[in-house]
Amino acid sequence: MDQAEAQEKIVEALKLKLKTKSKFYFNDLSGILEMKPREAKKYINQMVVDGILEYWSSGSTSMYGLPGTGKQAGAENED
């Protein structure tokens, strides 16, 4: 699998689930790619660098999502 395939697979899966969830655990994303977390890490990290995914952390929990989605996105854009 190359970066473009990984990107397409994750974005498609997340868009389907947007009605119920906006943030996903790393293991959710590696499951979408059908890879072990160590193998999926380079693809997921590159998607964050490219701005396709955004990284979100509460301090104790780290999650990923599509930019501009979820409750936090609305609150953060009210500046």
PDB file of N, CA and C in Angstrom:
ATOM      1  N   MET A   1       0.841  -1.180   0.000  1.00  0.00           N
ATOM      2  CA  MET A   1       0.000   0.000   0.000  1.00  0.00           C
ATOM      3  C   MET A   1       0.886   1.243   0.000  1.00  0.00           C
ATOM      4  N   ASP A   2       0.508   2.237  -0.799  1.00  0.00           N
ATOM      5  CA  ASP A   2       1.275   3.480  -0.801  1.00  0.00           C
ATOM      6  C   ASP A   2       0.492   4.567  -0.052  1.00  0.00           C
ATOM      7  N   GLN A   3       1.090   5.739   0.080  1.00  0.00           N
ATOM      8  CA  GLN A   3       0.493   6.829   0.849  1.00  0.00           C
ATOM      9  C   GLN A   3      -0.872   7.240   0.291  1.00  0.00           C
ATOM     10  N   ALA A   4      -0.994   7.323  -1.020  1.00  0.00           N
ATOM     11  CA  ALA A   4      -2.255   7.747  -1.645  1.00  0.00           C
ATOM     12  C   ALA A   4      -3.384   6.757  -1.349  1.00  0.00           C
ATOM     13  N   GLU A   5      -3.078   5.476  -1.404  1.00  0.00           N
ATOM     14  CA  GLU A   5      -4.090   4.458  -1.094  1.00  0.00           C
ATOM     15  C   GLU A   5      -4.523   4.547   0.370  1.00  0.00           C
ATOM     16  N   ALA A   6      -3.550   4.707   1.252  1.00  0.00           N
ATOM     17  CA  ALA A   6      -3.837   4.806   2.681  1.00  0.00           C
ATOM     18  C   ALA A   6      -4.708   6.030   2.953  1.00  0.00           C
ATOM     19  N   GLN A   7      -4.355   7.142   2.335  1.00  0.00           N
ATOM     20  CA  GLN A   7      -5.094   8.380   2.508  1.00  0.00           C
ATOM     21  C   GLN A   7      -6.537   8.228   2.038  1.00  0.00           C
ATOM     22  N   GLU A   8      -6.725   7.672   0.879  1.00  0.00           N
ATOM     23  CA  GLU A   8      -8.060   7.482   0.319  1.00  0.00           C
ATOM     24  C   GLU A   8      -8.910   6.586   1.217  1.00  0.00           C
ATOM     25  N   LYS A   9      -8.311   5.507   1.690  1.00  0.00           N
ATOM     26  CA  LYS A   9      -9.020   4.541   2.523  1.00  0.00           C
ATOM     27  C   LYS A   9      -9.480   5.171   3.847  1.00  0.00           C
ATOM     28  N   ILE A  10      -8.587   5.918   4.489  1.00  0.00           N
ATOM     29  CA  ILE A  10      -8.918   6.533   5.779  1.00  0.00           C
ATOM     30  C   ILE A  10      -9.946   7.641   5.612  1.00  0.00           C
ATOM     31  N   VAL A  11      -9.746   8.536   4.643  1.00  0.00           N
ATOM     32  CA  VAL A  11     -10.677   9.647   4.457  1.00  0.00           C
ATOM     33  C   VAL A  11     -12.070   9.129   4.128  1.00  0.00           C
ATOM     34  N   GLU A  12     -12.157   8.150   3.281  1.00  0.00           N
ATOM     35  CA  GLU A  12     -13.450   7.567   2.913  1.00  0.00           C
ATOM     36  C   GLU A  12     -14.153   6.972   4.140  1.00  0.00           C
ATOM     37  N   ALA A  13     -13.414   6.206   4.933  1.00  0.00           N
ATOM     38  CA  ALA A  13     -13.991   5.565   6.122  1.00  0.00           C
ATOM     39  C   ALA A  13     -14.431   6.604   7.153  1.00  0.00           C
ATOM     40  N   LEU A  14     -13.632   7.647   7.353  1.00  0.00           N
ATOM     41  CA  LEU A  14     -13.986   8.660   8.348  1.00  0.00           C
ATOM     42  C   LEU A  14     -15.203   9.462   7.908  1.00  0.00           C
ATOM     43  N   LYS A  15     -15.308   9.761   6.634  1.00  0.00           N
ATOM     44  CA  LYS A  15     -16.472  10.503   6.142  1.00  0.00           C
ATOM     45  C   LYS A  15     -17.756   9.705   6.335  1.00  0.00           C
ATOM     46  N   LEU A  16     -17.681   8.391   6.190  1.00  0.00           N
ATOM     47  CA  LEU A  16     -18.860   7.542   6.408  1.00  0.00           C
ATOM     48  C   LEU A  16     -19.299   7.558   7.870  1.00  0.00           C
ATOM     49  N   LYS A  17     -18.353   7.719   8.777  1.00  0.00           N
ATOM     50  CA  LYS A  17     -18.656   7.664  10.212  1.00  0.00           C
ATOM     51  C   LYS A  17     -18.875   9.037  10.839  1.00  0.00           C
ATOM     52  N   LEU A  18     -18.784  10.117  10.054  1.00  0.00           N
ATOM     53  CA  LEU A  18     -18.866  11.468  10.600  1.00  0.00           C
ATOM     54  C   LEU A  18     -20.170  11.769  11.329  1.00  0.00           C
ATOM     55  N   LYS A  19     -21.255  11.119  10.962  1.00  0.00           N
ATOM     56  CA  LYS A  19     -22.535  11.398  11.615  1.00  0.00           C
ATOM     57  C   LYS A  19     -22.539  10.943  13.073  1.00  0.00           C
ATOM     58  N   THR A  20     -21.729   9.963  13.400  1.00  0.00           N
ATOM     59  CA  THR A  20     -21.718   9.449  14.762  1.00  0.00           C
ATOM     60  C   THR A  20     -20.439   9.771  15.526  1.00  0.00           C
ATOM     61  N   LYS A  21     -19.338   9.967  14.829  1.00  0.00           N
ATOM     62  CA  LYS A  21     -18.047  10.218  15.480  1.00  0.00           C
ATOM     63  C   LYS A  21     -17.238  11.209  14.662  1.00  0.00           C
ATOM     64  N   SER A  22     -16.472  12.060  15.355  1.00  0.00           N
ATOM     65  CA  SER A  22     -15.598  12.976  14.626  1.00  0.00           C
ATOM     66  C   SER A  22     -14.124  12.746  14.956  1.00  0.00           C
ATOM     67  N   LYS A  23     -13.859  12.083  16.062  1.00  0.00           N
ATOM     68  CA  LYS A  23     -12.475  11.800  16.471  1.00  0.00           C
ATOM     69  C   LYS A  23     -12.288  10.294  16.622  1.00  0.00           C
ATOM     70  N   PHE A  24     -11.117   9.829  16.236  1.00  0.00           N
ATOM     71  CA  PHE A  24     -10.843   8.393  16.231  1.00  0.00           C
ATOM     72  C   PHE A  24      -9.498   8.119  16.892  1.00  0.00           C
ATOM     73  N   TYR A  25      -9.433   6.991  17.578  1.00  0.00           N
ATOM     74  CA  TYR A  25      -8.171   6.557  18.170  1.00  0.00           C
ATOM     75  C   TYR A  25      -7.227   6.067  17.075  1.00  0.00           C
ATOM     76  N   PHE A  26      -5.950   6.090  17.383  1.00  0.00           N
ATOM     77  CA  PHE A  26      -4.937   5.616  16.448  1.00  0.00           C
ATOM     78  C   PHE A  26      -5.229   4.179  16.014  1.00  0.00           C
ATOM     79  N   ASN A  27      -5.641   3.344  16.974  1.00  0.00           N
ATOM     80  CA  ASN A  27      -5.929   1.940  16.647  1.00  0.00           C
ATOM     81  C   ASN A  27      -7.114   1.799  15.691  1.00  0.00           C
ATOM     82  N   ASP A  28      -8.066   2.733  15.753  1.00  0.00           N
ATOM     83  CA  ASP A  28      -9.175   2.731  14.795  1.00  0.00           C
ATOM     84  C   ASP A  28      -8.633   2.935  13.377  1.00  0.00           C
ATOM     85  N   LEU A  29      -7.709   3.889  13.249  1.00  0.00           N
ATOM     86  CA  LEU A  29      -7.142   4.189  11.927  1.00  0.00           C
ATOM     87  C   LEU A  29      -6.290   3.037  11.406  1.00  0.00           C
ATOM     88  N   SER A  30      -5.507   2.430  12.280  1.00  0.00           N
ATOM     89  CA  SER A  30      -4.695   1.291  11.826  1.00  0.00           C
ATOM     90  C   SER A  30      -5.599   0.123  11.449  1.00  0.00           C
ATOM     91  N   GLY A  31      -6.741  -0.003  12.112  1.00  0.00           N
ATOM     92  CA  GLY A  31      -7.718  -1.032  11.749  1.00  0.00           C
ATOM     93  C   GLY A  31      -8.321  -0.783  10.379  1.00  0.00           C
ATOM     94  N   ILE A  32      -8.596   0.472  10.059  1.00  0.00           N
ATOM     95  CA  ILE A  32      -9.114   0.832   8.733  1.00  0.00           C
ATOM     96  C   ILE A  32      -8.111   0.429   7.659  1.00  0.00           C
ATOM     97  N   LEU A  33      -6.835   0.650   7.953  1.00  0.00           N
ATOM     98  CA  LEU A  33      -5.778   0.296   6.995  1.00  0.00           C
ATOM     99  C   LEU A  33      -5.468  -1.202   7.001  1.00  0.00           C
ATOM    100  N   GLU A  34      -6.037  -1.911   7.967  1.00  0.00           N
ATOM    101  CA  GLU A  34      -5.778  -3.340   8.137  1.00  0.00           C
ATOM    102  C   GLU A  34      -4.283  -3.618   8.305  1.00  0.00           C
ATOM    103  N   MET A  35      -3.666  -2.791   9.162  1.00  0.00           N
ATOM    104  CA  MET A  35      -2.237  -2.915   9.441  1.00  0.00           C
ATOM    105  C   MET A  35      -2.022  -2.914  10.948  1.00  0.00           C
ATOM    106  N   LYS A  36      -0.878  -3.413  11.336  1.00  0.00           N
ATOM    107  CA  LYS A  36      -0.475  -3.298  12.722  1.00  0.00           C
ATOM    108  C   LYS A  36      -0.135  -1.825  12.967  1.00  0.00           C
ATOM    109  N   PRO A  37      -0.318  -1.341  14.206  1.00  0.00           N
ATOM    110  CA  PRO A  37      -0.064   0.078  14.491  1.00  0.00           C
ATOM    111  C   PRO A  37       1.319   0.563  14.062  1.00  0.00           C
ATOM    112  N   ARG A  38       2.329  -0.236  14.258  1.00  0.00           N
ATOM    113  CA  ARG A  38       3.681   0.180  13.894  1.00  0.00           C
ATOM    114  C   ARG A  38       3.798   0.422  12.385  1.00  0.00           C
ATOM    115  N   GLU A  39       3.132  -0.407  11.577  1.00  0.00           N
ATOM    116  CA  GLU A  39       3.169  -0.256  10.122  1.00  0.00           C
ATOM    117  C   GLU A  39       2.346   0.951   9.672  1.00  0.00           C
ATOM    118  N   ALA A  40       1.225   1.197  10.344  1.00  0.00           N
ATOM    119  CA  ALA A  40       0.316   2.280   9.956  1.00  0.00           C
ATOM    120  C   ALA A  40       0.825   3.657  10.370  1.00  0.00           C
ATOM    121  N   LYS A  41       1.723   3.700  11.341  1.00  0.00           N
ATOM    122  CA  LYS A  41       2.174   4.970  11.910  1.00  0.00           C
ATOM    123  C   LYS A  41       2.720   5.937  10.865  1.00  0.00           C
ATOM    124  N   LYS A  42       3.538   5.454   9.941  1.00  0.00           N
ATOM    125  CA  LYS A  42       4.138   6.367   8.956  1.00  0.00           C
ATOM    126  C   LYS A  42       3.080   6.981   8.049  1.00  0.00           C
ATOM    127  N   TYR A  43       2.050   6.214   7.694  1.00  0.00           N
ATOM    128  CA  TYR A  43       0.988   6.747   6.836  1.00  0.00           C
ATOM    129  C   TYR A  43       0.153   7.787   7.582  1.00  0.00           C
ATOM    130  N   ILE A  44      -0.211   7.467   8.801  1.00  0.00           N
ATOM    131  CA  ILE A  44      -1.063   8.357   9.595  1.00  0.00           C
ATOM    132  C   ILE A  44      -0.316   9.640   9.939  1.00  0.00           C
ATOM    133  N   ASN A  45       0.929   9.532  10.352  1.00  0.00           N
ATOM    134  CA  ASN A  45       1.716  10.723  10.667  1.00  0.00           C
ATOM    135  C   ASN A  45       1.888  11.621   9.444  1.00  0.00           C
ATOM    136  N   GLN A  46       2.097  11.041   8.274  1.00  0.00           N
ATOM    137  CA  GLN A  46       2.246  11.833   7.059  1.00  0.00           C
ATOM    138  C   GLN A  46       0.944  12.556   6.721  1.00  0.00           C
ATOM    139  N   MET A  47      -0.188  11.930   7.002  1.00  0.00           N
ATOM    140  CA  MET A  47      -1.475  12.575   6.751  1.00  0.00           C
ATOM    141  C   MET A  47      -1.676  13.776   7.683  1.00  0.00           C
ATOM    142  N   VAL A  48      -1.160  13.701   8.894  1.00  0.00           N
ATOM    143  CA  VAL A  48      -1.226  14.837   9.812  1.00  0.00           C
ATOM    144  C   VAL A  48      -0.334  15.965   9.291  1.00  0.00           C
ATOM    145  N   VAL A  49       0.870  15.624   8.868  1.00  0.00           N
ATOM    146  CA  VAL A  49       1.803  16.619   8.328  1.00  0.00           C
ATOM    147  C   VAL A  49       1.205  17.305   7.099  1.00  0.00           C
ATOM    148  N   ASP A  50       0.534  16.539   6.245  1.00  0.00           N
ATOM    149  CA  ASP A  50      -0.063  17.076   5.020  1.00  0.00           C
ATOM    150  C   ASP A  50      -1.360  17.836   5.279  1.00  0.00           C
ATOM    151  N   GLY A  51      -1.883  17.786   6.500  1.00  0.00           N
ATOM    152  CA  GLY A  51      -3.112  18.497   6.837  1.00  0.00           C
ATOM    153  C   GLY A  51      -4.388  17.752   6.473  1.00  0.00           C
ATOM    154  N   ILE A  52      -4.281  16.488   6.135  1.00  0.00           N
ATOM    155  CA  ILE A  52      -5.453  15.680   5.777  1.00  0.00           C
ATOM    156  C   ILE A  52      -6.158  15.211   7.047  1.00  0.00           C
ATOM    157  N   LEU A  53      -5.389  14.918   8.069  1.00  0.00           N
ATOM    158  CA  LEU A  53      -5.921  14.579   9.388  1.00  0.00           C
ATOM    159  C   LEU A  53      -5.409  15.613  10.374  1.00  0.00           C
ATOM    160  N   GLU A  54      -6.156  15.797  11.459  1.00  0.00           N
ATOM    161  CA  GLU A  54      -5.649  16.641  12.530  1.00  0.00           C
ATOM    162  C   GLU A  54      -5.514  15.805  13.791  1.00  0.00           C
ATOM    163  N   TYR A  55      -4.509  16.135  14.551  1.00  0.00           N
ATOM    164  CA  TYR A  55      -4.212  15.457  15.798  1.00  0.00           C
ATOM    165  C   TYR A  55      -4.878  16.242  16.910  1.00  0.00           C
ATOM    166  N   TRP A  56      -5.540  15.555  17.833  1.00  0.00           N
ATOM    167  CA  TRP A  56      -6.191  16.202  18.955  1.00  0.00           C
ATOM    168  C   TRP A  56      -5.830  15.454  20.226  1.00  0.00           C
ATOM    169  N   SER A  57      -5.502  16.192  21.264  1.00  0.00           N
ATOM    170  CA  SER A  57      -5.150  15.561  22.530  1.00  0.00           C
ATOM    171  C   SER A  57      -5.813  16.304  23.681  1.00  0.00           C
ATOM    172  N   SER A  58      -6.352  15.545  24.615  1.00  0.00           N
ATOM    173  CA  SER A  58      -6.932  16.138  25.817  1.00  0.00           C
ATOM    174  C   SER A  58      -5.908  16.166  26.939  1.00  0.00           C
ATOM    175  N   GLY A  59      -4.751  15.656  26.675  1.00  0.00           N
ATOM    176  CA  GLY A  59      -3.729  15.530  27.698  1.00  0.00           C
ATOM    177  C   GLY A  59      -3.538  14.081  28.098  1.00  0.00           C
ATOM    178  N   SER A  60      -4.653  13.372  28.193  1.00  0.00           N
ATOM    179  CA  SER A  60      -4.561  11.952  28.544  1.00  0.00           C
ATOM    180  C   SER A  60      -4.957  11.061  27.376  1.00  0.00           C
ATOM    181  N   THR A  61      -5.672  11.613  26.422  1.00  0.00           N
ATOM    182  CA  THR A  61      -6.150  10.845  25.275  1.00  0.00           C
ATOM    183  C   THR A  61      -5.734  11.542  23.993  1.00  0.00           C
ATOM    184  N   SER A  62      -5.229  10.780  23.043  1.00  0.00           N
ATOM    185  CA  SER A  62      -4.863  11.323  21.738  1.00  0.00           C
ATOM    186  C   SER A  62      -5.774  10.731  20.679  1.00  0.00           C
ATOM    187  N   MET A  63      -6.284  11.603  19.833  1.00  0.00           N
ATOM    188  CA  MET A  63      -7.202  11.149  18.800  1.00  0.00           C
ATOM    189  C   MET A  63      -6.905  11.885  17.493  1.00  0.00           C
ATOM    190  N   TYR A  64      -7.499  11.402  16.428  1.00  0.00           N
ATOM    191  CA  TYR A  64      -7.315  11.976  15.099  1.00  0.00           C
ATOM    192  C   TYR A  64      -8.679  12.200  14.461  1.00  0.00           C
ATOM    193  N   GLY A  65      -8.757  13.183  13.591  1.00  0.00           N
ATOM    194  CA  GLY A  65     -10.000  13.435  12.881  1.00  0.00           C
ATOM    195  C   GLY A  65      -9.745  14.260  11.630  1.00  0.00           C
ATOM    196  N   LEU A  66     -10.787  14.444  10.859  1.00  0.00           N
ATOM    197  CA  LEU A  66     -10.695  15.296   9.682  1.00  0.00           C
ATOM    198  C   LEU A  66     -10.732  16.751  10.146  1.00  0.00           C
ATOM    199  N   PRO A  67      -9.925  17.622   9.569  1.00  0.00           N
ATOM    200  CA  PRO A  67      -9.898  19.027  10.002  1.00  0.00           C
ATOM    201  C   PRO A  67     -11.269  19.688   9.885  1.00  0.00           C
ATOM    202  N   GLY A  68     -11.620  20.469  10.905  1.00  0.00           N
ATOM    203  CA  GLY A  68     -12.869  21.214  10.884  1.00  0.00           C
ATOM    204  C   GLY A  68     -14.101  20.432  11.268  1.00  0.00           C
ATOM    205  N   THR A  69     -13.940  19.247  11.825  1.00  0.00           N
ATOM    206  CA  THR A  69     -15.098  18.444  12.225  1.00  0.00           C
ATOM    207  C   THR A  69     -15.148  18.317  13.735  1.00  0.00           C
ATOM    208  N   GLY A  70     -16.318  18.073  14.260  1.00  0.00           N
ATOM    209  CA  GLY A  70     -16.467  17.842  15.694  1.00  0.00           C
ATOM    210  C   GLY A  70     -16.811  19.090  16.456  1.00  0.00           C
ATOM    211  N   LYS A  71     -17.170  18.900  17.727  1.00  0.00           N
ATOM    212  CA  LYS A  71     -17.582  19.994  18.588  1.00  0.00           C
ATOM    213  C   LYS A  71     -16.438  20.970  18.862  1.00  0.00           C
ATOM    214  N   GLN A  72     -15.232  20.459  19.037  1.00  0.00           N
ATOM    215  CA  GLN A  72     -14.103  21.324  19.334  1.00  0.00           C
ATOM    216  C   GLN A  72     -13.806  22.279  18.171  1.00  0.00           C
ATOM    217  N   ALA A  73     -14.014  21.841  16.966  1.00  0.00           N
ATOM    218  CA  ALA A  73     -13.733  22.686  15.798  1.00  0.00           C
ATOM    219  C   ALA A  73     -14.582  23.943  15.840  1.00  0.00           C
ATOM    220  N   GLY A  74     -15.856  23.819  16.211  1.00  0.00           N
ATOM    221  CA  GLY A  74     -16.726  24.978  16.321  1.00  0.00           C
ATOM    222  C   GLY A  74     -16.283  25.914  17.422  1.00  0.00           C
ATOM    223  N   ALA A  75     -15.897  25.367  18.548  1.00  0.00           N
ATOM    224  CA  ALA A  75     -15.464  26.183  19.680  1.00  0.00           C
ATOM    225  C   ALA A  75     -14.129  26.868  19.403  1.00  0.00           C
ATOM    226  N   GLU A  76     -13.234  26.206  18.722  1.00  0.00           N
ATOM    227  CA  GLU A  76     -11.915  26.762  18.444  1.00  0.00           C
ATOM    228  C   GLU A  76     -11.981  27.869  17.392  1.00  0.00           C
ATOM    229  N   ASN A  77     -12.983  27.852  16.529  1.00  0.00           N
ATOM    230  CA  ASN A  77     -13.074  28.843  15.462  1.00  0.00           C
ATOM    231  C   ASN A  77     -13.853  30.076  15.856  1.00  0.00           C
ATOM    232  N   GLU A  78     -14.273  30.202  17.110  1.00  0.00           N
ATOM    233  CA  GLU A  78     -15.077  31.344  17.547  1.00  0.00           C
ATOM    234  C   GLU A  78     -14.246  32.530  17.973  1.00  0.00           C
ATOM    235  N   ASP A  79     -12.960  32.541  17.751  1.00  0.00           N
ATOM    236  CA  ASP A  79     -12.075  33.626  18.197  1.00  0.00           C
ATOM    237  C   ASP A  79     -12.544  34.973  17.758  1.00  0.00           C
TER     238      ASP A  79
END
